[in-house]
Amino acid sequence: MVSSLENHSREWVLDSACSYHMCPNKHLFSRLEEFDGGVMLMGNDDVCEIKGIGTIHLKMHNGVVKTLTEVRYVPDLKKNLFSLGILESSGYKIIMHDGVLRAICGALVVLRGMRI
């Protein structure tokens, strides 16, 4: 994993328990509405403040740009979190087999990740 100068990763963790897409990297947002959004309880019982909500454009390995909307800006996180629950509630099917996760829409694989 490569970390930026801010000690945050540019990689995204596919998280099945995450309620929202979340990002601590303010500079990744193409649009960000900053406000006091309350707090969220993390899996380890830590509390992190939500400082805004916005849009992030992700350039995929094949050059295609995908847009994540309603991403929570949470500066105290150490990782970017991609909510598989949000994807599933949007109609995508999530499949994990032999350490490979796939998000499928119809016959099209729209997201693939490796368990590491």
PDB file of N, CA and C in Angstrom:
ATOM      1  N   MET A   1       0.840  -1.172   0.000  1.00  0.00           N
ATOM      2  CA  MET A   1       0.000   0.000   0.000  1.00  0.00           C
ATOM      3  C   MET A   1       0.889   1.240   0.000  1.00  0.00           C
ATOM      4  N   VAL A   2       0.560   2.198  -0.817  1.00  0.00           N
ATOM      5  CA  VAL A   2       1.316   3.445  -0.892  1.00  0.00           C
ATOM      6  C   VAL A   2       0.515   4.534  -0.208  1.00  0.00           C
ATOM      7  N   SER A   3       1.149   5.268   0.687  1.00  0.00           N
ATOM      8  CA  SER A   3       0.470   6.348   1.394  1.00  0.00           C
ATOM      9  C   SER A   3       0.874   7.696   0.843  1.00  0.00           C
ATOM     10  N   SER A   4      -0.027   8.633   0.893  1.00  0.00           N
ATOM     11  CA  SER A   4       0.264   9.984   0.453  1.00  0.00           C
ATOM     12  C   SER A   4       0.981  10.739   1.561  1.00  0.00           C
ATOM     13  N   LEU A   5       1.308  11.988   1.313  1.00  0.00           N
ATOM     14  CA  LEU A   5       1.972  12.810   2.310  1.00  0.00           C
ATOM     15  C   LEU A   5       1.112  13.004   3.542  1.00  0.00           C
ATOM     16  N   GLU A   6      -0.195  12.908   3.395  1.00  0.00           N
ATOM     17  CA  GLU A   6      -1.108  13.104   4.515  1.00  0.00           C
ATOM     18  C   GLU A   6      -1.298  11.830   5.324  1.00  0.00           C
ATOM     19  N   ASN A   7      -0.563  10.774   4.987  1.00  0.00           N
ATOM     20  CA  ASN A   7      -0.651   9.499   5.691  1.00  0.00           C
ATOM     21  C   ASN A   7      -1.959   8.775   5.422  1.00  0.00           C
ATOM     22  N   HIS A   8      -2.642   9.121   4.349  1.00  0.00           N
ATOM     23  CA  HIS A   8      -3.859   8.421   3.949  1.00  0.00           C
ATOM     24  C   HIS A   8      -3.578   7.691   2.648  1.00  0.00           C
ATOM     25  N   SER A   9      -4.186   6.555   2.485  1.00  0.00           N
ATOM     26  CA  SER A   9      -4.020   5.778   1.273  1.00  0.00           C
ATOM     27  C   SER A   9      -4.872   6.356   0.149  1.00  0.00           C
ATOM     28  N   ARG A  10      -4.409   6.186  -1.083  1.00  0.00           N
ATOM     29  CA  ARG A  10      -5.203   6.556  -2.248  1.00  0.00           C
ATOM     30  C   ARG A  10      -6.048   5.364  -2.704  1.00  0.00           C
ATOM     31  N   GLU A  11      -5.800   4.196  -2.128  1.00  0.00           N
ATOM     32  CA  GLU A  11      -6.570   3.006  -2.456  1.00  0.00           C
ATOM     33  C   GLU A  11      -7.882   3.006  -1.682  1.00  0.00           C
ATOM     34  N   TRP A  12      -8.841   2.241  -2.186  1.00  0.00           N
ATOM     35  CA  TRP A  12     -10.146   2.141  -1.539  1.00  0.00           C
ATOM     36  C   TRP A  12     -10.336   0.736  -0.996  1.00  0.00           C
ATOM     37  N   VAL A  13     -10.835   0.632   0.225  1.00  0.00           N
ATOM     38  CA  VAL A  13     -11.150  -0.643   0.855  1.00  0.00           C
ATOM     39  C   VAL A  13     -12.624  -0.931   0.594  1.00  0.00           C
ATOM     40  N   LEU A  14     -12.910  -2.101   0.024  1.00  0.00           N
ATOM     41  CA  LEU A  14     -14.290  -2.522  -0.195  1.00  0.00           C
ATOM     42  C   LEU A  14     -14.809  -3.067   1.125  1.00  0.00           C
ATOM     43  N   ASP A  15     -15.789  -2.406   1.709  1.00  0.00           N
ATOM     44  CA  ASP A  15     -16.228  -2.696   3.067  1.00  0.00           C
ATOM     45  C   ASP A  15     -17.695  -3.107   3.081  1.00  0.00           C
ATOM     46  N   SER A  16     -17.960  -4.322   3.533  1.00  0.00           N
ATOM     47  CA  SER A  16     -19.340  -4.819   3.553  1.00  0.00           C
ATOM     48  C   SER A  16     -20.126  -4.316   4.764  1.00  0.00           C
ATOM     49  N   ALA A  17     -19.438  -3.768   5.767  1.00  0.00           N
ATOM     50  CA  ALA A  17     -20.126  -3.305   6.976  1.00  0.00           C
ATOM     51  C   ALA A  17     -20.262  -1.785   7.035  1.00  0.00           C
ATOM     52  N   CYS A  18     -19.745  -1.090   6.056  1.00  0.00           N
ATOM     53  CA  CYS A  18     -19.733   0.371   6.039  1.00  0.00           C
ATOM     54  C   CYS A  18     -21.093   0.913   5.574  1.00  0.00           C
ATOM     55  N   SER A  19     -21.632   1.881   6.297  1.00  0.00           N
ATOM     56  CA  SER A  19     -22.950   2.437   5.968  1.00  0.00           C
ATOM     57  C   SER A  19     -22.925   3.398   4.787  1.00  0.00           C
ATOM     58  N   TYR A  20     -21.776   4.051   4.567  1.00  0.00           N
ATOM     59  CA  TYR A  20     -21.636   5.053   3.509  1.00  0.00           C
ATOM     60  C   TYR A  20     -20.253   4.915   2.887  1.00  0.00           C
ATOM     61  N   HIS A  21     -20.084   5.459   1.690  1.00  0.00           N
ATOM     62  CA  HIS A  21     -18.740   5.650   1.166  1.00  0.00           C
ATOM     63  C   HIS A  21     -18.134   6.754   2.034  1.00  0.00           C
ATOM     64  N   MET A  22     -16.874   6.568   2.460  1.00  0.00           N
ATOM     65  CA  MET A  22     -16.239   7.553   3.332  1.00  0.00           C
ATOM     66  C   MET A  22     -14.799   7.777   2.893  1.00  0.00           C
ATOM     67  N   CYS A  23     -14.335   9.019   3.051  1.00  0.00           N
ATOM     68  CA  CYS A  23     -12.999   9.376   2.601  1.00  0.00           C
ATOM     69  C   CYS A  23     -12.402  10.448   3.510  1.00  0.00           C
ATOM     70  N   PRO A  24     -11.130  10.269   3.919  1.00  0.00           N
ATOM     71  CA  PRO A  24     -10.466  11.286   4.724  1.00  0.00           C
ATOM     72  C   PRO A  24      -9.673  12.293   3.883  1.00  0.00           C
ATOM     73  N   ASN A  25      -9.604  12.058   2.584  1.00  0.00           N
ATOM     74  CA  ASN A  25      -8.775  12.865   1.687  1.00  0.00           C
ATOM     75  C   ASN A  25      -9.570  13.988   1.050  1.00  0.00           C
ATOM     76  N   LYS A  26      -9.508  15.155   1.631  1.00  0.00           N
ATOM     77  CA  LYS A  26     -10.285  16.303   1.142  1.00  0.00           C
ATOM     78  C   LYS A  26      -9.986  16.620  -0.317  1.00  0.00           C
ATOM     79  N   HIS A  27      -8.726  16.448  -0.714  1.00  0.00           N
ATOM     80  CA  HIS A  27      -8.334  16.794  -2.080  1.00  0.00           C
ATOM     81  C   HIS A  27      -8.903  15.844  -3.142  1.00  0.00           C
ATOM     82  N   LEU A  28      -9.464  14.691  -2.745  1.00  0.00           N
ATOM     83  CA  LEU A  28     -10.058  13.771  -3.714  1.00  0.00           C
ATOM     84  C   LEU A  28     -11.467  14.194  -4.138  1.00  0.00           C
ATOM     85  N   PHE A  29     -12.092  15.073  -3.376  1.00  0.00           N
ATOM     86  CA  PHE A  29     -13.458  15.493  -3.679  1.00  0.00           C
ATOM     87  C   PHE A  29     -13.468  16.496  -4.830  1.00  0.00           C
ATOM     88  N   SER A  30     -14.312  16.254  -5.815  1.00  0.00           N
ATOM     89  CA  SER A  30     -14.500  17.236  -6.888  1.00  0.00           C
ATOM     90  C   SER A  30     -15.542  18.268  -6.463  1.00  0.00           C
ATOM     91  N   ARG A  31     -16.425  17.868  -5.562  1.00  0.00           N
ATOM     92  CA  ARG A  31     -17.412  18.759  -4.958  1.00  0.00           C
ATOM     93  C   ARG A  31     -17.537  18.331  -3.507  1.00  0.00           C
ATOM     94  N   LEU A  32     -17.492  19.301  -2.605  1.00  0.00           N
ATOM     95  CA  LEU A  32     -17.602  18.990  -1.185  1.00  0.00           C
ATOM     96  C   LEU A  32     -18.378  20.090  -0.482  1.00  0.00           C
ATOM     97  N   GLU A  33     -19.451  19.707   0.197  1.00  0.00           N
ATOM     98  CA  GLU A  33     -20.201  20.632   1.039  1.00  0.00           C
ATOM     99  C   GLU A  33     -19.778  20.340   2.476  1.00  0.00           C
ATOM    100  N   GLU A  34     -19.010  21.262   3.048  1.00  0.00           N
ATOM    101  CA  GLU A  34     -18.529  21.057   4.412  1.00  0.00           C
ATOM    102  C   GLU A  34     -19.567  21.533   5.420  1.00  0.00           C
ATOM    103  N   PHE A  35     -19.770  20.741   6.470  1.00  0.00           N
ATOM    104  CA  PHE A  35     -20.695  21.065   7.544  1.00  0.00           C
ATOM    105  C   PHE A  35     -20.431  20.105   8.693  1.00  0.00           C
ATOM    106  N   ASP A  36     -21.018  20.394   9.838  1.00  0.00           N
ATOM    107  CA  ASP A  36     -20.918  19.491  10.975  1.00  0.00           C
ATOM    108  C   ASP A  36     -21.986  18.430  10.793  1.00  0.00           C
ATOM    109  N   GLY A  37     -21.569  17.234  10.390  1.00  0.00           N
ATOM    110  CA  GLY A  37     -22.512  16.162  10.087  1.00  0.00           C
ATOM    111  C   GLY A  37     -22.699  15.174  11.209  1.00  0.00           C
ATOM    112  N   GLY A  38     -22.282  15.547  12.405  1.00  0.00           N
ATOM    113  CA  GLY A  38     -22.424  14.633  13.531  1.00  0.00           C
ATOM    114  C   GLY A  38     -21.268  13.654  13.585  1.00  0.00           C
ATOM    115  N   VAL A  39     -21.508  12.523  14.205  1.00  0.00           N
ATOM    116  CA  VAL A  39     -20.452  11.524  14.370  1.00  0.00           C
ATOM    117  C   VAL A  39     -20.936  10.170  13.880  1.00  0.00           C
ATOM    118  N   MET A  40     -19.975   9.296  13.630  1.00  0.00           N
ATOM    119  CA  MET A  40     -20.304   7.913  13.313  1.00  0.00           C
ATOM    120  C   MET A  40     -19.452   6.996  14.175  1.00  0.00           C
ATOM    121  N   LEU A  41     -20.036   5.892  14.568  1.00  0.00           N
ATOM    122  CA  LEU A  41     -19.366   4.908  15.395  1.00  0.00           C
ATOM    123  C   LEU A  41     -18.664   3.913  14.485  1.00  0.00           C
ATOM    124  N   MET A  42     -17.372   3.736  14.698  1.00  0.00           N
ATOM    125  CA  MET A  42     -16.579   2.821  13.893  1.00  0.00           C
ATOM    126  C   MET A  42     -16.655   1.415  14.482  1.00  0.00           C
ATOM    127  N   GLY A  43     -16.189   0.434  13.731  1.00  0.00           N
ATOM    128  CA  GLY A  43     -16.228  -0.963  14.154  1.00  0.00           C
ATOM    129  C   GLY A  43     -15.464  -1.233  15.437  1.00  0.00           C
ATOM    130  N   ASN A  44     -14.452  -0.408  15.729  1.00  0.00           N
ATOM    131  CA  ASN A  44     -13.667  -0.590  16.961  1.00  0.00           C
ATOM    132  C   ASN A  44     -14.176   0.299  18.100  1.00  0.00           C
ATOM    133  N   ASP A  45     -15.382   0.840  17.947  1.00  0.00           N
ATOM    134  CA  ASP A  45     -16.058   1.706  18.925  1.00  0.00           C
ATOM    135  C   ASP A  45     -15.468   3.114  19.013  1.00  0.00           C
ATOM    136  N   ASP A  46     -14.523   3.460  18.134  1.00  0.00           N
ATOM    137  CA  ASP A  46     -14.060   4.846  18.058  1.00  0.00           C
ATOM    138  C   ASP A  46     -15.161   5.694  17.426  1.00  0.00           C
ATOM    139  N   VAL A  47     -15.158   6.960  17.755  1.00  0.00           N
ATOM    140  CA  VAL A  47     -16.119   7.903  17.182  1.00  0.00           C
ATOM    141  C   VAL A  47     -15.361   8.835  16.248  1.00  0.00           C
ATOM    142  N   CYS A  48     -15.859   9.005  15.024  1.00  0.00           N
ATOM    143  CA  CYS A  48     -15.250   9.917  14.055  1.00  0.00           C
ATOM    144  C   CYS A  48     -16.294  10.951  13.633  1.00  0.00           C
ATOM    145  N   GLU A  49     -15.859  12.189  13.487  1.00  0.00           N
ATOM    146  CA  GLU A  49     -16.759  13.262  13.064  1.00  0.00           C
ATOM    147  C   GLU A  49     -16.891  13.286  11.545  1.00  0.00           C
ATOM    148  N   ILE A  50     -18.118  13.465  11.080  1.00  0.00           N
ATOM    149  CA  ILE A  50     -18.395  13.674   9.658  1.00  0.00           C
ATOM    150  C   ILE A  50     -18.327  15.176   9.426  1.00  0.00           C
ATOM    151  N   LYS A  51     -17.463  15.598   8.512  1.00  0.00           N
ATOM    152  CA  LYS A  51     -17.237  17.024   8.281  1.00  0.00           C
ATOM    153  C   LYS A  51     -17.799  17.518   6.957  1.00  0.00           C
ATOM    154  N   GLY A  52     -18.476  16.636   6.214  1.00  0.00           N
ATOM    155  CA  GLY A  52     -19.069  17.073   4.957  1.00  0.00           C
ATOM    156  C   GLY A  52     -19.518  15.895   4.119  1.00  0.00           C
ATOM    157  N   ILE A  53     -20.039  16.234   2.943  1.00  0.00           N
ATOM    158  CA  ILE A  53     -20.510  15.228   1.991  1.00  0.00           C
ATOM    159  C   ILE A  53     -20.245  15.758   0.592  1.00  0.00           C
ATOM    160  N   GLY A  54     -19.887  14.846  -0.315  1.00  0.00           N
ATOM    161  CA  GLY A  54     -19.587  15.326  -1.659  1.00  0.00           C
ATOM    162  C   GLY A  54     -19.441  14.223  -2.681  1.00  0.00           C
ATOM    163  N   THR A  55     -18.795  14.581  -3.784  1.00  0.00           N
ATOM    164  CA  THR A  55     -18.623  13.711  -4.946  1.00  0.00           C
ATOM    165  C   THR A  55     -17.147  13.494  -5.209  1.00  0.00           C
ATOM    166  N   ILE A  56     -16.812  12.253  -5.556  1.00  0.00           N
ATOM    167  CA  ILE A  56     -15.437  11.898  -5.905  1.00  0.00           C
ATOM    168  C   ILE A  56     -15.456  11.183  -7.249  1.00  0.00           C
ATOM    169  N   HIS A  57     -14.543  11.566  -8.137  1.00  0.00           N
ATOM    170  CA  HIS A  57     -14.367  10.887  -9.420  1.00  0.00           C
ATOM    171  C   HIS A  57     -13.155   9.976  -9.300  1.00  0.00           C
ATOM    172  N   LEU A  58     -13.353   8.690  -9.582  1.00  0.00           N
ATOM    173  CA  LEU A  58     -12.281   7.701  -9.495  1.00  0.00           C
ATOM    174  C   LEU A  58     -11.885   7.242 -10.890  1.00  0.00           C
ATOM    175  N   LYS A  59     -10.602   7.336 -11.197  1.00  0.00           N
ATOM    176  CA  LYS A  59     -10.109   6.831 -12.478  1.00  0.00           C
ATOM    177  C   LYS A  59      -9.708   5.377 -12.287  1.00  0.00           C
ATOM    178  N   MET A  60     -10.369   4.499 -13.028  1.00  0.00           N
ATOM    179  CA  MET A  60     -10.132   3.071 -12.902  1.00  0.00           C
ATOM    180  C   MET A  60      -8.859   2.682 -13.661  1.00  0.00           C
ATOM    181  N   HIS A  61      -8.406   1.446 -13.448  1.00  0.00           N
ATOM    182  CA  HIS A  61      -7.169   0.979 -14.082  1.00  0.00           C
ATOM    183  C   HIS A  61      -7.234   1.002 -15.603  1.00  0.00           C
ATOM    184  N   ASN A  62      -8.438   0.926 -16.175  1.00  0.00           N
ATOM    185  CA  ASN A  62      -8.596   0.944 -17.630  1.00  0.00           C
ATOM    186  C   ASN A  62      -8.879   2.345 -18.182  1.00  0.00           C
ATOM    187  N   GLY A  63      -8.771   3.365 -17.321  1.00  0.00           N
ATOM    188  CA  GLY A  63      -8.959   4.748 -17.754  1.00  0.00           C
ATOM    189  C   GLY A  63     -10.370   5.280 -17.619  1.00  0.00           C
ATOM    190  N   VAL A  64     -11.338   4.403 -17.369  1.00  0.00           N
ATOM    191  CA  VAL A  64     -12.729   4.823 -17.206  1.00  0.00           C
ATOM    192  C   VAL A  64     -12.867   5.578 -15.875  1.00  0.00           C
ATOM    193  N   VAL A  65     -13.611   6.666 -15.888  1.00  0.00           N
ATOM    194  CA  VAL A  65     -13.842   7.450 -14.678  1.00  0.00           C
ATOM    195  C   VAL A  65     -15.224   7.127 -14.121  1.00  0.00           C
ATOM    196  N   LYS A  66     -15.254   6.727 -12.861  1.00  0.00           N
ATOM    197  CA  LYS A  66     -16.504   6.426 -12.160  1.00  0.00           C
ATOM    198  C   LYS A  66     -16.756   7.513 -11.136  1.00  0.00           C
ATOM    199  N   THR A  67     -18.021   7.799 -10.864  1.00  0.00           N
ATOM    200  CA  THR A  67     -18.391   8.846  -9.923  1.00  0.00           C
ATOM    201  C   THR A  67     -19.037   8.244  -8.688  1.00  0.00           C
ATOM    202  N   LEU A  68     -18.502   8.601  -7.525  1.00  0.00           N
ATOM    203  CA  LEU A  68     -19.115   8.235  -6.251  1.00  0.00           C
ATOM    204  C   LEU A  68     -19.811   9.477  -5.711  1.00  0.00           C
ATOM    205  N   THR A  69     -21.092   9.345  -5.386  1.00  0.00           N
ATOM    206  CA  THR A  69     -21.835  10.465  -4.842  1.00  0.00           C
ATOM    207  C   THR A  69     -22.150  10.213  -3.372  1.00  0.00           C
ATOM    208  N   GLU A  70     -22.495  11.271  -2.670  1.00  0.00           N
ATOM    209  CA  GLU A  70     -22.858  11.216  -1.256  1.00  0.00           C
ATOM    210  C   GLU A  70     -21.761  10.559  -0.411  1.00  0.00           C
ATOM    211  N   VAL A  71     -20.506  10.853  -0.755  1.00  0.00           N
ATOM    212  CA  VAL A  71     -19.359  10.348  -0.002  1.00  0.00           C
ATOM    213  C   VAL A  71     -19.189  11.215   1.232  1.00  0.00           C
ATOM    214  N   ARG A  72     -19.079  10.588   2.390  1.00  0.00           N
ATOM    215  CA  ARG A  72     -18.862  11.331   3.633  1.00  0.00           C
ATOM    216  C   ARG A  72     -17.390  11.700   3.768  1.00  0.00           C
ATOM    217  N   TYR A  73     -17.140  12.950   4.131  1.00  0.00           N
ATOM    218  CA  TYR A  73     -15.784  13.416   4.413  1.00  0.00           C
ATOM    219  C   TYR A  73     -15.536  13.222   5.901  1.00  0.00           C
ATOM    220  N   VAL A  74     -14.629  12.283   6.238  1.00  0.00           N
ATOM    221  CA  VAL A  74     -14.335  11.932   7.633  1.00  0.00           C
ATOM    222  C   VAL A  74     -12.821  12.023   7.811  1.00  0.00           C
ATOM    223  N   PRO A  75     -12.306  13.202   8.188  1.00  0.00           N
ATOM    224  CA  PRO A  75     -10.853  13.431   8.231  1.00  0.00           C
ATOM    225  C   PRO A  75     -10.066  12.489   9.135  1.00  0.00           C
ATOM    226  N   ASP A  76     -10.678  11.921  10.175  1.00  0.00           N
ATOM    227  CA  ASP A  76      -9.952  11.066  11.104  1.00  0.00           C
ATOM    228  C   ASP A  76      -9.760   9.627  10.619  1.00  0.00           C
ATOM    229  N   LEU A  77     -10.384   9.262   9.505  1.00  0.00           N
ATOM    230  CA  LEU A  77     -10.175   7.918   8.956  1.00  0.00           C
ATOM    231  C   LEU A  77      -8.754   7.782   8.424  1.00  0.00           C
ATOM    232  N   LYS A  78      -8.272   6.563   8.346  1.00  0.00           N
ATOM    233  CA  LYS A  78      -6.959   6.286   7.764  1.00  0.00           C
ATOM    234  C   LYS A  78      -7.077   5.631   6.397  1.00  0.00           C
ATOM    235  N   LYS A  79      -8.273   5.197   6.040  1.00  0.00           N
ATOM    236  CA  LYS A  79      -8.514   4.510   4.770  1.00  0.00           C
ATOM    237  C   LYS A  79      -9.726   5.117   4.080  1.00  0.00           C
ATOM    238  N   ASN A  80      -9.759   5.007   2.762  1.00  0.00           N
ATOM    239  CA  ASN A  80     -10.949   5.335   1.987  1.00  0.00           C
ATOM    240  C   ASN A  80     -11.838   4.092   2.008  1.00  0.00           C
ATOM    241  N   LEU A  81     -13.100   4.243   2.358  1.00  0.00           N
ATOM    242  CA  LEU A  81     -14.003   3.109   2.470  1.00  0.00           C
ATOM    243  C   LEU A  81     -15.100   3.174   1.411  1.00  0.00           C
ATOM    244  N   PHE A  82     -15.224   2.092   0.656  1.00  0.00           N
ATOM    245  CA  PHE A  82     -16.238   1.950  -0.381  1.00  0.00           C
ATOM    246  C   PHE A  82     -17.300   0.999   0.164  1.00  0.00           C
ATOM    247  N   SER A  83     -18.513   1.478   0.334  1.00  0.00           N
ATOM    248  CA  SER A  83     -19.588   0.699   0.940  1.00  0.00           C
ATOM    249  C   SER A  83     -20.204  -0.275  -0.057  1.00  0.00           C
ATOM    250  N   LEU A  84     -20.013  -1.560   0.185  1.00  0.00           N
ATOM    251  CA  LEU A  84     -20.653  -2.567  -0.654  1.00  0.00           C
ATOM    252  C   LEU A  84     -22.156  -2.602  -0.408  1.00  0.00           C
ATOM    253  N   GLY A  85     -22.580  -2.238   0.804  1.00  0.00           N
ATOM    254  CA  GLY A  85     -24.012  -2.173   1.116  1.00  0.00           C
ATOM    255  C   GLY A  85     -24.732  -1.147   0.261  1.00  0.00           C
ATOM    256  N   ILE A  86     -24.103   0.011   0.051  1.00  0.00           N
ATOM    257  CA  ILE A  86     -24.691   1.040  -0.821  1.00  0.00           C
ATOM    258  C   ILE A  86     -24.824   0.497  -2.244  1.00  0.00           C
ATOM    259  N   LEU A  87     -23.790  -0.196  -2.705  1.00  0.00           N
ATOM    260  CA  LEU A  87     -23.825  -0.763  -4.053  1.00  0.00           C
ATOM    261  C   LEU A  87     -24.935  -1.807  -4.167  1.00  0.00           C
ATOM    262  N   GLU A  88     -25.032  -2.677  -3.161  1.00  0.00           N
ATOM    263  CA  GLU A  88     -26.046  -3.725  -3.182  1.00  0.00           C
ATOM    264  C   GLU A  88     -27.460  -3.142  -3.138  1.00  0.00           C
ATOM    265  N   SER A  89     -27.657  -2.098  -2.323  1.00  0.00           N
ATOM    266  CA  SER A  89     -28.991  -1.483  -2.246  1.00  0.00           C
ATOM    267  C   SER A  89     -29.346  -0.731  -3.524  1.00  0.00           C
ATOM    268  N   SER A  90     -28.355  -0.487  -4.374  1.00  0.00           N
ATOM    269  CA  SER A  90     -28.598   0.153  -5.672  1.00  0.00           C
ATOM    270  C   SER A  90     -28.894  -0.875  -6.763  1.00  0.00           C
ATOM    271  N   GLY A  91     -28.965  -2.160  -6.383  1.00  0.00           N
ATOM    272  CA  GLY A  91     -29.357  -3.186  -7.341  1.00  0.00           C
ATOM    273  C   GLY A  91     -28.230  -4.057  -7.868  1.00  0.00           C
ATOM    274  N   TYR A  92     -27.026  -3.855  -7.394  1.00  0.00           N
ATOM    275  CA  TYR A  92     -25.905  -4.679  -7.835  1.00  0.00           C
ATOM    276  C   TYR A  92     -25.849  -5.955  -7.012  1.00  0.00           C
ATOM    277  N   LYS A  93     -25.388  -7.030  -7.615  1.00  0.00           N
ATOM    278  CA  LYS A  93     -25.213  -8.295  -6.909  1.00  0.00           C
ATOM    279  C   LYS A  93     -23.743  -8.409  -6.517  1.00  0.00           C
ATOM    280  N   ILE A  94     -23.478  -8.716  -5.241  1.00  0.00           N
ATOM    281  CA  ILE A  94     -22.118  -8.845  -4.733  1.00  0.00           C
ATOM    282  C   ILE A  94     -21.807 -10.329  -4.570  1.00  0.00           C
ATOM    283  N   ILE A  95     -20.711 -10.784  -5.204  1.00  0.00           N
ATOM    284  CA  ILE A  95     -20.313 -12.192  -5.151  1.00  0.00           C
ATOM    285  C   ILE A  95     -18.858 -12.280  -4.698  1.00  0.00           C
ATOM    286  N   MET A  96     -18.597 -13.161  -3.714  1.00  0.00           N
ATOM    287  CA  MET A  96     -17.225 -13.419  -3.265  1.00  0.00           C
ATOM    288  C   MET A  96     -16.938 -14.890  -3.507  1.00  0.00           C
ATOM    289  N   HIS A  97     -15.867 -15.172  -4.264  1.00  0.00           N
ATOM    290  CA  HIS A  97     -15.492 -16.552  -4.548  1.00  0.00           C
ATOM    291  C   HIS A  97     -13.984 -16.636  -4.713  1.00  0.00           C
ATOM    292  N   ASP A  98     -13.360 -17.544  -3.987  1.00  0.00           N
ATOM    293  CA  ASP A  98     -11.906 -17.760  -4.050  1.00  0.00           C
ATOM    294  C   ASP A  98     -11.108 -16.481  -3.832  1.00  0.00           C
ATOM    295  N   GLY A  99     -11.556 -15.648  -2.902  1.00  0.00           N
ATOM    296  CA  GLY A  99     -10.822 -14.430  -2.575  1.00  0.00           C
ATOM    297  C   GLY A  99     -11.017 -13.282  -3.540  1.00  0.00           C
ATOM    298  N   VAL A 100     -11.903 -13.458  -4.521  1.00  0.00           N
ATOM    299  CA  VAL A 100     -12.189 -12.392  -5.491  1.00  0.00           C
ATOM    300  C   VAL A 100     -13.621 -11.925  -5.288  1.00  0.00           C
ATOM    301  N   LEU A 101     -13.790 -10.635  -5.097  1.00  0.00           N
ATOM    302  CA  LEU A 101     -15.114 -10.040  -4.948  1.00  0.00           C
ATOM    303  C   LEU A 101     -15.499  -9.397  -6.278  1.00  0.00           C
ATOM    304  N   ARG A 102     -16.754  -9.596  -6.671  1.00  0.00           N
ATOM    305  CA  ARG A 102     -17.265  -8.979  -7.893  1.00  0.00           C
ATOM    306  C   ARG A 102     -18.614  -8.335  -7.600  1.00  0.00           C
ATOM    307  N   ALA A 103     -18.818  -7.146  -8.156  1.00  0.00           N
ATOM    308  CA  ALA A 103     -20.126  -6.499  -8.145  1.00  0.00           C
ATOM    309  C   ALA A 103     -20.652  -6.592  -9.566  1.00  0.00           C
ATOM    310  N   ILE A 104     -21.849  -7.153  -9.703  1.00  0.00           N
ATOM    311  CA  ILE A 104     -22.387  -7.461 -11.023  1.00  0.00           C
ATOM    312  C   ILE A 104     -23.716  -6.745 -11.227  1.00  0.00           C
ATOM    313  N   CYS A 105     -23.890  -6.186 -12.420  1.00  0.00           N
ATOM    314  CA  CYS A 105     -25.159  -5.597 -12.842  1.00  0.00           C
ATOM    315  C   CYS A 105     -25.563  -6.319 -14.123  1.00  0.00           C
ATOM    316  N   GLY A 106     -26.557  -7.197 -14.028  1.00  0.00           N
ATOM    317  CA  GLY A 106     -26.908  -8.041 -15.175  1.00  0.00           C
ATOM    318  C   GLY A 106     -25.762  -9.000 -15.438  1.00  0.00           C
ATOM    319  N   ALA A 107     -25.199  -8.969 -16.641  1.00  0.00           N
ATOM    320  CA  ALA A 107     -24.067  -9.819 -16.995  1.00  0.00           C
ATOM    321  C   ALA A 107     -22.738  -9.063 -16.912  1.00  0.00           C
ATOM    322  N   LEU A 108     -22.797  -7.766 -16.555  1.00  0.00           N
ATOM    323  CA  LEU A 108     -21.602  -6.930 -16.559  1.00  0.00           C
ATOM    324  C   LEU A 108     -20.963  -6.859 -15.171  1.00  0.00           C
ATOM    325  N   VAL A 109     -19.672  -7.187 -15.087  1.00  0.00           N
ATOM    326  CA  VAL A 109     -18.916  -7.021 -13.851  1.00  0.00           C
ATOM    327  C   VAL A 109     -18.477  -5.565 -13.799  1.00  0.00           C
ATOM    328  N   VAL A 110     -18.981  -4.821 -12.827  1.00  0.00           N
ATOM    329  CA  VAL A 110     -18.695  -3.385 -12.743  1.00  0.00           C
ATOM    330  C   VAL A 110     -17.605  -3.069 -11.726  1.00  0.00           C
ATOM    331  N   LEU A 111     -17.294  -4.047 -10.857  1.00  0.00           N
ATOM    332  CA  LEU A 111     -16.274  -3.827  -9.829  1.00  0.00           C
ATOM    333  C   LEU A 111     -15.681  -5.169  -9.462  1.00  0.00           C
ATOM    334  N   ARG A 112     -14.355  -5.187  -9.336  1.00  0.00           N
ATOM    335  CA  ARG A 112     -13.684  -6.414  -8.924  1.00  0.00           C
ATOM    336  C   ARG A 112     -12.597  -6.051  -7.933  1.00  0.00           C
ATOM    337  N   GLY A 113     -12.479  -6.843  -6.887  1.00  0.00           N
ATOM    338  CA  GLY A 113     -11.451  -6.617  -5.891  1.00  0.00           C
ATOM    339  C   GLY A 113     -10.928  -7.931  -5.365  1.00  0.00           C
ATOM    340  N   MET A 114      -9.722  -7.886  -4.812  1.00  0.00           N
ATOM    341  CA  MET A 114      -9.065  -9.064  -4.252  1.00  0.00           C
ATOM    342  C   MET A 114      -9.034  -8.943  -2.741  1.00  0.00           C
ATOM    343  N   ARG A 115      -9.240 -10.058  -2.056  1.00  0.00           N
ATOM    344  CA  ARG A 115      -9.088 -10.062  -0.608  1.00  0.00           C
ATOM    345  C   ARG A 115      -7.593 -10.159  -0.286  1.00  0.00           C
ATOM    346  N   ILE A 116      -7.096  -9.151   0.424  1.00  0.00           N
ATOM    347  CA  ILE A 116      -5.679  -9.147   0.834  1.00  0.00           C
ATOM    348  C   ILE A 116      -5.575  -8.765   2.291  1.00  0.00           C
TER     349      ILE A 116
END
